[in-house]
Protein backbone atom coordinates (compact mmCIF):
# COMPACT_ATOMS: atom_id res chain seq x y z
CA MET A 1 10.83 8.28 43.29
CA ALA A 2 11.35 11.52 41.91
CA ARG A 3 10.73 10.54 37.83
CA THR A 4 14.37 11.05 35.69
CA ALA A 5 14.61 13.55 33.07
CA ARG A 6 14.53 11.80 29.37
CA LYS A 7 17.62 12.18 27.12
CA TYR A 8 16.86 12.81 23.77
CA LYS A 9 18.62 12.95 20.74
CA GLU A 10 18.85 16.85 18.76
CA VAL A 11 16.83 17.14 15.89
CA LYS A 12 19.44 17.69 12.60
CA ILE A 13 18.46 20.55 10.35
CA ASP A 14 20.85 21.87 7.64
CA PRO A 15 21.62 25.36 7.53
CA THR A 16 20.10 25.39 3.89
CA ALA A 17 16.98 23.59 4.57
CA PHE A 18 13.56 25.24 5.51
CA VAL A 19 11.19 24.50 8.41
CA HIS A 20 8.01 26.27 8.72
CA PRO A 21 7.74 27.39 12.41
CA THR A 22 4.49 25.36 12.70
CA ALA A 23 6.07 22.42 11.84
CA GLU A 24 7.06 19.35 14.65
CA LEU A 25 9.98 17.77 14.54
CA ASP A 26 10.43 15.14 17.37
CA ALA A 27 13.88 13.63 18.83
CA GLY A 28 16.30 12.43 16.27
CA VAL A 29 14.73 13.89 13.20
CA GLU A 30 17.73 14.95 10.92
CA VAL A 31 16.92 17.09 7.44
CA GLY A 32 18.99 17.08 4.45
CA PRO A 33 19.81 20.18 2.15
CA TYR A 34 17.47 21.95 0.08
CA SER A 35 14.60 20.06 1.78
CA VAL A 36 11.37 22.05 2.19
CA ILE A 37 9.14 20.92 5.47
CA GLY A 38 5.83 22.65 5.21
CA GLU A 39 3.34 24.23 7.27
CA GLY A 40 1.81 21.93 10.49
CA VAL A 41 3.86 19.30 9.12
CA SER A 42 4.92 16.34 11.94
CA ILE A 43 7.74 14.16 12.11
CA GLY A 44 8.38 10.95 14.66
CA LYS A 45 11.33 10.04 16.23
CA GLU A 46 14.82 8.96 14.14
CA THR A 47 13.33 9.87 10.74
CA LYS A 48 15.65 10.96 8.09
CA ILE A 49 15.13 13.34 5.37
CA GLY A 50 17.46 13.13 2.58
CA PRO A 51 18.58 16.29 0.19
CA HIS A 52 15.81 18.01 -1.56
CA VAL A 53 12.83 16.71 -0.29
CA VAL A 54 9.44 18.31 -0.27
CA ILE A 55 6.78 17.77 2.68
CA GLU A 56 3.91 19.84 2.28
CA LYS A 57 1.45 20.94 4.73
CA TRP A 58 -0.26 18.57 6.90
CA THR A 59 1.11 15.65 6.81
CA ARG A 60 2.25 13.44 9.50
CA MET A 61 5.26 11.05 9.22
CA GLY A 62 5.42 8.41 12.39
CA GLU A 63 9.01 7.34 13.59
CA ARG A 64 12.06 5.97 11.55
CA ASN A 65 11.03 6.45 8.74
CA SER A 66 14.01 6.55 5.62
CA VAL A 67 12.75 9.42 2.65
CA TYR A 68 15.36 9.78 0.26
CA GLN A 69 16.40 12.56 -2.26
CA PHE A 70 13.81 14.59 -4.45
CA VAL A 71 10.85 12.95 -2.76
CA SER A 72 7.56 15.29 -2.52
CA ILE A 73 5.10 14.39 0.03
CA GLY A 74 1.75 15.90 0.56
CA ALA A 75 1.37 18.20 -2.08
CA ALA A 76 -2.67 18.92 -3.52
CA PRO A 77 -3.88 16.39 -5.11
CA GLN A 78 -4.88 16.35 -8.96
CA ASP A 79 -8.52 17.08 -8.74
CA LEU A 80 -10.29 19.42 -10.21
CA GLY A 81 -12.73 18.94 -7.06
CA TYR A 82 -9.86 20.23 -4.73
CA LYS A 83 -10.12 23.80 -3.08
CA GLY A 84 -7.30 24.03 -1.09
CA GLU A 85 -9.08 22.22 2.28
CA LYS A 86 -7.58 20.87 4.64
CA THR A 87 -7.01 17.89 4.29
CA GLU A 88 -3.95 15.19 5.27
CA VAL A 89 -0.61 12.88 4.27
CA ILE A 90 -0.42 9.96 7.65
CA ILE A 91 2.63 7.78 7.24
CA GLY A 92 3.24 5.25 9.75
CA ASP A 93 7.12 3.80 10.65
CA GLY A 94 9.84 1.91 9.43
CA ASN A 95 8.93 3.30 6.06
CA THR A 96 11.96 3.85 3.35
CA ILE A 97 10.72 6.11 0.62
CA ARG A 98 12.76 6.17 -2.29
CA GLU A 99 13.97 8.48 -5.42
CA PHE A 100 11.31 10.30 -6.65
CA VAL A 101 8.04 9.11 -4.98
CA THR A 102 5.17 11.35 -4.88
CA ILE A 103 2.72 11.14 -2.17
CA HIS A 104 -0.49 13.46 -2.03
CA ARG A 105 -2.74 14.47 0.73
CA ALA A 106 -6.68 13.76 0.17
CA THR A 107 -8.90 15.66 -1.44
CA THR A 108 -12.77 15.86 0.03
CA LYS A 109 -14.62 12.88 -1.41
CA ASP A 110 -13.80 10.35 1.11
CA LYS A 111 -12.44 10.32 4.64
CA TRP A 112 -10.12 13.48 3.99
CA LYS A 113 -7.26 11.40 4.02
CA THR A 114 -4.28 9.63 2.19
CA VAL A 115 -3.02 7.33 4.58
CA CYS A 116 0.41 4.38 3.99
CA GLY A 117 0.52 2.31 7.42
CA SER A 118 4.46 0.92 8.29
CA ASN A 119 7.33 -0.71 7.10
CA ASN A 120 6.50 -0.60 3.26
CA LEU A 121 8.98 0.15 0.77
CA LEU A 122 8.80 2.39 -2.01
CA MET A 123 11.40 2.02 -4.98
CA ASN A 124 11.49 4.92 -7.14
CA TYR A 125 8.87 6.87 -8.58
CA VAL A 126 5.96 4.87 -6.96
CA HIS A 127 3.30 7.78 -7.50
CA ILE A 128 0.20 7.21 -4.50
CA ALA A 129 -2.83 9.18 -5.50
CA HIS A 130 -5.31 11.21 -3.87
CA ASP A 131 -7.32 8.72 -0.80
CA CYS A 132 -5.18 6.19 -1.28
CA ASN A 133 -4.72 3.52 1.96
CA LEU A 134 -1.62 1.61 2.38
CA GLY A 135 -1.35 -1.41 4.84
CA ASP A 136 1.82 -2.47 5.88
CA ASN A 137 5.18 -4.25 5.10
CA ILE A 138 3.87 -3.40 1.07
CA ILE A 139 6.27 -3.99 -1.41
CA MET A 140 5.68 -1.22 -4.64
CA ALA A 141 8.56 -1.36 -7.18
CA ASN A 142 9.90 1.09 -9.66
CA SER A 143 7.27 3.72 -10.82
CA ALA A 144 4.17 1.71 -9.94
CA THR A 145 1.24 3.70 -9.96
CA LEU A 146 -2.31 3.92 -8.21
CA GLY A 147 -4.88 5.71 -8.60
CA GLY A 148 -7.37 8.06 -6.50
CA HIS A 149 -9.28 5.68 -4.00
CA VAL A 150 -7.04 2.39 -4.07
CA THR A 151 -6.64 0.37 -1.34
CA ILE A 152 -3.80 -1.81 -0.41
CA ASP A 153 -4.24 -4.20 1.81
CA ASN A 154 -1.13 -6.06 4.61
CA ASN A 155 2.08 -7.88 2.96
CA ALA A 156 0.89 -7.30 -1.17
CA ILE A 157 3.53 -6.76 -3.60
CA VAL A 158 3.30 -4.79 -6.64
CA GLY A 159 5.65 -4.85 -9.38
CA GLY A 160 7.31 -2.31 -11.74
CA LEU A 161 5.23 -0.14 -13.97
CA VAL A 162 1.86 -1.24 -12.40
CA ALA A 163 -0.66 1.31 -12.91
CA ILE A 164 -3.86 1.00 -10.74
CA HIS A 165 -7.00 2.20 -11.66
CA GLN A 166 -9.00 4.46 -9.02
CA HIS A 167 -11.11 2.77 -6.31
CA VAL A 168 -9.58 -0.26 -6.63
CA ARG A 169 -8.63 -2.86 -3.98
CA ILE A 170 -5.49 -4.88 -3.77
CA GLY A 171 -5.88 -8.05 -1.32
CA ALA A 172 -3.45 -9.12 1.54
CA TYR A 173 -0.30 -10.91 0.28
CA CYS A 174 -0.74 -11.25 -3.63
CA ILE A 175 2.07 -10.12 -5.86
CA ILE A 176 0.55 -8.10 -9.28
CA GLY A 177 3.27 -8.95 -12.02
CA GLY A 178 5.22 -5.62 -13.47
CA ALA A 179 4.02 -3.60 -16.80
CA SER A 180 0.03 -4.72 -15.43
CA ALA A 181 -3.00 -2.43 -15.95
CA VAL A 182 -4.99 -3.32 -12.33
CA SER A 183 -8.98 -2.34 -13.01
CA LYS A 184 -10.86 -4.76 -11.01
CA ASP A 185 -10.19 -5.69 -7.72
CA VAL A 186 -6.96 -8.46 -7.10
CA PRO A 187 -7.96 -10.89 -4.57
CA PRO A 188 -5.71 -11.98 -1.50
CA TYR A 189 -3.31 -14.61 -2.15
CA VAL A 190 -3.03 -14.58 -5.39
CA LYS A 191 -0.59 -13.82 -8.75
CA ALA A 192 -1.92 -11.64 -11.15
CA VAL A 193 -0.19 -10.10 -14.03
CA GLY A 194 -1.51 -8.48 -17.65
CA ASN A 195 -3.26 -5.70 -19.33
CA ARG A 196 -6.30 -6.05 -18.13
CA ALA A 197 -5.03 -8.18 -15.02
CA ARG A 198 -6.22 -11.53 -14.79
CA LEU A 199 -5.50 -14.44 -12.18
CA PHE A 200 -3.18 -16.80 -12.39
CA GLY A 201 -3.29 -19.05 -9.53
CA LEU A 202 -2.12 -18.37 -5.86
CA ASN A 203 1.37 -16.83 -4.89
CA SER A 204 2.45 -19.95 -3.13
CA VAL A 205 6.16 -18.95 -3.02
CA GLY A 206 5.13 -15.71 -1.38
CA LEU A 207 3.29 -17.09 0.96
CA ARG A 208 5.53 -19.55 2.14
CA ARG A 209 7.98 -17.35 2.48
CA GLN A 210 5.65 -14.75 5.04
CA GLY A 211 5.56 -18.12 7.40
CA ILE A 212 2.04 -19.18 6.13
CA THR A 213 2.02 -22.83 7.34
CA LYS A 214 1.35 -26.28 5.02
CA GLU A 215 -2.20 -26.80 6.73
CA GLU A 216 -2.70 -22.85 5.79
CA LEU A 217 -1.53 -22.99 2.34
CA GLU A 218 -3.86 -26.55 1.99
CA GLU A 219 -7.10 -23.79 3.65
CA ILE A 220 -6.16 -21.22 0.78
CA LYS A 221 -5.82 -23.26 -1.65
CA LEU A 222 -9.14 -25.17 -1.04
CA SER A 223 -10.53 -21.44 -0.64
CA TYR A 224 -9.63 -20.68 -4.36
CA ASN A 225 -10.21 -23.31 -6.18
CA ILE A 226 -13.80 -23.29 -4.39
CA ILE A 227 -14.40 -19.26 -5.61
CA PHE A 228 -11.92 -19.67 -9.37
CA ARG A 229 -12.30 -23.13 -10.33
CA SER A 230 -15.72 -24.44 -9.51
CA SER A 231 -18.86 -24.40 -11.69
CA LEU A 232 -20.89 -22.99 -8.60
CA ARG A 233 -22.06 -18.81 -8.94
CA LEU A 234 -19.94 -16.36 -6.69
CA SER A 235 -23.31 -16.50 -3.93
CA GLU A 236 -23.25 -20.50 -3.76
CA ALA A 237 -19.50 -21.05 -3.64
CA LEU A 238 -18.90 -18.49 -0.70
CA GLU A 239 -21.61 -20.25 1.00
CA LYS A 240 -19.90 -23.80 0.72
CA LEU A 241 -16.68 -21.96 1.66
CA GLU A 242 -18.72 -21.00 4.71
CA ARG A 243 -19.63 -24.77 5.63
CA GLU A 244 -16.52 -26.11 4.67
CA LEU A 245 -13.60 -23.50 6.46
CA PRO A 246 -15.81 -22.52 8.96
CA ASP A 247 -13.10 -21.64 11.15
CA SER A 248 -10.25 -20.41 8.80
CA ARG A 249 -9.27 -16.71 8.68
CA HIS A 250 -7.95 -17.28 5.19
CA ALA A 251 -11.48 -18.35 3.82
CA LYS A 252 -12.97 -15.16 6.30
CA ARG A 253 -10.52 -13.07 4.03
CA PHE A 254 -11.77 -14.43 0.94
CA ILE A 255 -14.99 -14.54 1.36
CA ASP A 256 -15.17 -10.39 3.34
CA PHE A 257 -12.74 -9.34 0.19
CA MET A 258 -15.07 -11.18 -2.33
CA ARG A 259 -18.06 -9.69 -1.08
CA GLY A 260 -16.97 -6.41 0.01
CA SER A 261 -15.66 -5.79 -3.84
CA LYS A 262 -17.25 -2.50 -5.24
CA ARG A 263 -15.59 -2.66 -9.01
CA GLY A 264 -15.91 -5.72 -9.21
CA VAL A 265 -12.94 -8.91 -8.67
CA ALA A 266 -10.53 -10.31 -11.72
CA ARG A 267 -11.16 -13.56 -12.89
CA GLU A 268 -8.54 -16.44 -14.01
CA ARG A 269 -6.93 -15.95 -17.15
CA THR A 270 -8.60 -18.78 -19.56
CA LYS A 271 -5.99 -21.30 -20.13
CA ARG A 272 -5.42 -21.58 -24.21
CA LYS A 273 -5.56 -24.76 -26.06
CA ASN A 274 -2.52 -27.34 -25.13
CA GLU A 275 -0.96 -24.71 -22.48
CA VAL A 276 -0.55 -25.90 -19.11
CA GLN A 277 -0.53 -23.56 -16.32
CA GLU A 278 2.21 -23.36 -13.98
CA GLU A 279 1.84 -24.09 -9.80
CA ASP A 280 4.50 -22.97 -7.65
C-alpha cells in the first residue's frame, strides 16, 4: 500500500520577526511580532512564540510550548569563565513560559546543557541560570531565581521570590514557601521555608493532590520521622529505613536523595518553647 503524505499546519512568522536561516521550525509553530530566533535554534510542533521574544543560538525546544512576550532563552551564561563555547538550552514539551522569564545556556563546567523538562509552569520573571536541570511538572512562581547547576526534581513547587543557591538540589513533590533563601538541598515530599530555608514537615496537602494514596503517605511519614525526628545518626537512620521499608519506592527516594547530597540537607526548624508545629 502506498504511503499517504501527511499534512502539516503551516509555520506562521510575523513579518517583523527575524528567524535565522539555520533555525528549524516544525509544523504549526507561530512566531510573534518583533521576535528573534537565532542560529541553530530548533522549535517543535505547535509551539507558540509571543511578541518580543529572543531565543538565541543552540536552543532546542520541543512541542506545544507557550512562550509569552519579552522572554529570553539561550543567552550566554553569566559566568566569567564562559568564552562563547557551543553549549545548549534544551526544553521539553508542553511548558508555559511567562513574561520576562530568562533561561541561560550552559557553561563548559558540567554537562554543557541547561535542561528544562516538560509540562512546567514558569511564571513572570523566573530566572534559570546556566547548567540547571529541571524535571517535569514543576511550578516556579513569580521571580523565583536559580543559581547555576541547580537541580529540581519532578512535581516540585517553588514559591515567589525564592532564591536557590548554586549546586542545590530540590527534591520531588516538595514545596518551598515564598521569599525563602535556599542554601542546602531540600528533600522530597517536604515543606521548606525561611532564610535560610528549614523544613516544616511534609507537603501532605500537595501529596494528596498529586494522587498519593493514604498507604503511600504513611510510608512517607514513617520515612520522614526516621530520618528527621529520631535520635539516630543519619547513616543509622537510613539503614533502619532500608530494613523497615525495603519495598517502598518513597523510602528509596529519601534514601537515594540523602546519600547523594553534596551540599548537605536542610534540617527541621527547632520548635520554640510552647510552640505547636502545625501538621496537614
